[in-house]
Amino acid sequence: MKTIIFSALVLGLAACSSERPPAPPDAQGSSEAPAADAAAEFSAHTAQCGCTISSVGTCGNYIEVDGEYLPIANSAEFDLGGMHWCGQGSVEIQASGEVTDGEFHLTGIESGT
C-alpha cells in the first residue's frame, strides 16, 4: 500500500515539474529594457530649460545638437517632467537619441538628471 501511495506522489510531483509552456507574448521580456537602449550610443550634450535660451524663450526640456537647441520630444518617458533643468542654466549630460522633425527623441540618458 505504501508503495502505491509513494508511486502516486512521485508521479504527481513529476507531472508538476515538467516543462511549462512559454509565457504569452505580452509577458515575455516585460521587465527588460528595449534592445535599442542596450545598443544606444551616448555622447556629451548640453541640456537646458528653454526659458534660459534666447532663441527659445519658453520653458521646456531642450538639448543642444550640432549647435542648435532642440526640444526633447519624449521627456516624460525618462521622468524629466516639463522643465527638468529650469533654473539650473546649462547642464552637461550623456544622452543618446535621434533628431526627427526638429525634435530630439531620447533613447537613453546617463547623467544630468
Foldseek 3Di string as FASTA:
>chain_A
DVVVVVVVVVVVVVVVPDDDDDDPPVPPCPVPQDPCLVVFDKDKWKWAFQCPPVVRNHGAIWIADPNDTAGAPPCVVVPCPGHNHPPPGIDIWIWGFDDDPRHTYTSDTDDDD
